[in-house]
Amino acid sequence: MASHPYEYKVLVEYISPEEKGKYPHFGHIEDQEGFSSTLTDVFQHLPESIPTGWEVVSHDIALSRNTVVISVLIRHQKRISAREKTG
């Protein structure tokens, strides 16, 4: 049986308010601006987190309680070993 041609990894970033117990209210402009600024910072540095030769397959931004969870699925093609080539 042939193996899958790709290897996958998931990159995850958790973003929580600096003050414990503080919950953002996204109806307030200040919280919206802070959230947008934080996401911009994370995504500006994202390319540094992706190793050379890997590609982004999908991503997701979720909110769980007061924590934003950003996940990025990446993959790269596996190298075929001599053993796999010969069966």
Protein backbone atom coordinates (compact mmCIF):
# COMPACT_ATOMS: atom_id res chain seq x y z
CA MET A 1 0.00 0.00 0.00
CA ALA A 2 1.43 3.37 -1.02
CA SER A 3 1.92 5.99 1.66
CA HIS A 4 0.34 9.42 1.51
CA PRO A 5 2.49 11.81 -0.56
CA TYR A 6 2.30 14.72 1.93
CA GLU A 7 3.31 15.40 5.51
CA TYR A 8 1.06 17.78 7.47
CA LYS A 9 1.56 20.04 10.50
CA VAL A 10 -0.72 22.45 12.33
CA LEU A 11 0.52 25.82 13.58
CA VAL A 12 -1.58 27.23 16.43
CA GLU A 13 -1.51 30.66 18.09
CA TYR A 14 -3.54 31.44 21.22
CA ILE A 15 -4.30 35.08 21.97
CA SER A 16 -5.81 36.02 25.33
CA PRO A 17 -6.37 39.42 26.96
CA GLU A 18 -3.37 40.56 29.00
CA GLU A 19 -5.58 41.20 32.02
CA LYS A 20 -6.96 37.97 33.46
CA GLY A 21 -10.76 37.97 33.55
CA LYS A 22 -11.08 40.82 31.03
CA TYR A 23 -13.39 39.93 28.16
CA PRO A 24 -13.37 41.90 24.90
CA HIS A 25 -16.64 43.42 23.75
CA PHE A 26 -16.47 43.53 19.99
CA GLY A 27 -19.27 46.10 19.86
CA HIS A 28 -16.78 48.63 21.31
CA ILE A 29 -14.54 50.33 18.78
CA GLU A 30 -11.53 50.14 21.13
CA ASP A 31 -11.82 46.35 21.37
CA GLN A 32 -12.31 46.04 17.61
CA GLU A 33 -9.19 48.12 16.95
CA GLY A 34 -7.16 46.14 19.49
CA PHE A 35 -8.31 42.85 17.99
CA SER A 36 -7.50 44.00 14.43
CA SER A 37 -4.07 45.22 15.51
CA THR A 38 -3.26 41.93 17.26
CA LEU A 39 -4.37 39.85 14.25
CA THR A 40 -2.28 42.04 11.95
CA ASP A 41 0.79 41.46 14.14
CA VAL A 42 0.24 37.69 14.16
CA PHE A 43 -0.27 37.44 10.40
CA GLN A 44 2.73 39.68 9.62
CA HIS A 45 4.96 37.19 11.45
CA LEU A 46 3.22 34.06 10.14
CA PRO A 47 5.53 33.59 7.13
CA GLU A 48 8.48 33.31 9.56
CA SER A 49 6.71 30.34 11.19
CA ILE A 50 6.28 28.37 7.98
CA PRO A 51 9.38 26.33 7.10
CA THR A 52 10.82 26.55 3.59
CA GLY A 53 9.12 24.11 1.23
CA TRP A 54 5.86 24.02 3.17
CA GLU A 55 2.58 25.50 1.90
CA VAL A 56 -0.58 26.67 3.64
CA VAL A 57 -3.52 24.35 3.02
CA SER A 58 -6.12 26.08 5.19
CA HIS A 59 -6.54 28.36 8.18
CA ASP A 60 -9.14 29.20 10.81
CA ILE A 61 -9.77 31.91 13.39
CA ALA A 62 -12.00 30.89 16.29
CA LEU A 63 -13.07 32.54 19.54
CA SER A 64 -13.34 30.33 22.62
CA ARG A 65 -14.39 32.18 25.78
CA ASN A 66 -11.97 35.11 25.81
CA THR A 67 -9.21 33.44 23.75
CA VAL A 68 -8.73 33.78 20.01
CA VAL A 69 -7.35 30.58 18.46
CA ILE A 70 -5.63 30.85 15.07
CA SER A 71 -4.77 27.59 13.37
CA VAL A 72 -2.95 27.08 10.09
CA LEU A 73 -2.67 23.69 8.36
CA ILE A 74 0.55 23.36 6.35
CA ARG A 75 1.96 20.55 4.22
CA HIS A 76 4.96 19.56 2.15
CA GLN A 77 5.63 16.69 -0.18
CA LYS A 78 7.35 13.74 1.45
CA ARG A 79 10.65 12.57 0.08
CA ILE A 80 10.37 9.06 -1.27
CA SER A 81 12.94 6.75 0.23
CA ALA A 82 14.74 4.09 -1.84
CA ARG A 83 12.85 1.45 0.14
CA GLU A 84 9.46 2.95 -0.83
CA LYS A 85 10.52 3.22 -4.49
CA THR A 86 11.35 -0.48 -4.71
CA GLY A 87 8.29 -1.59 -2.76
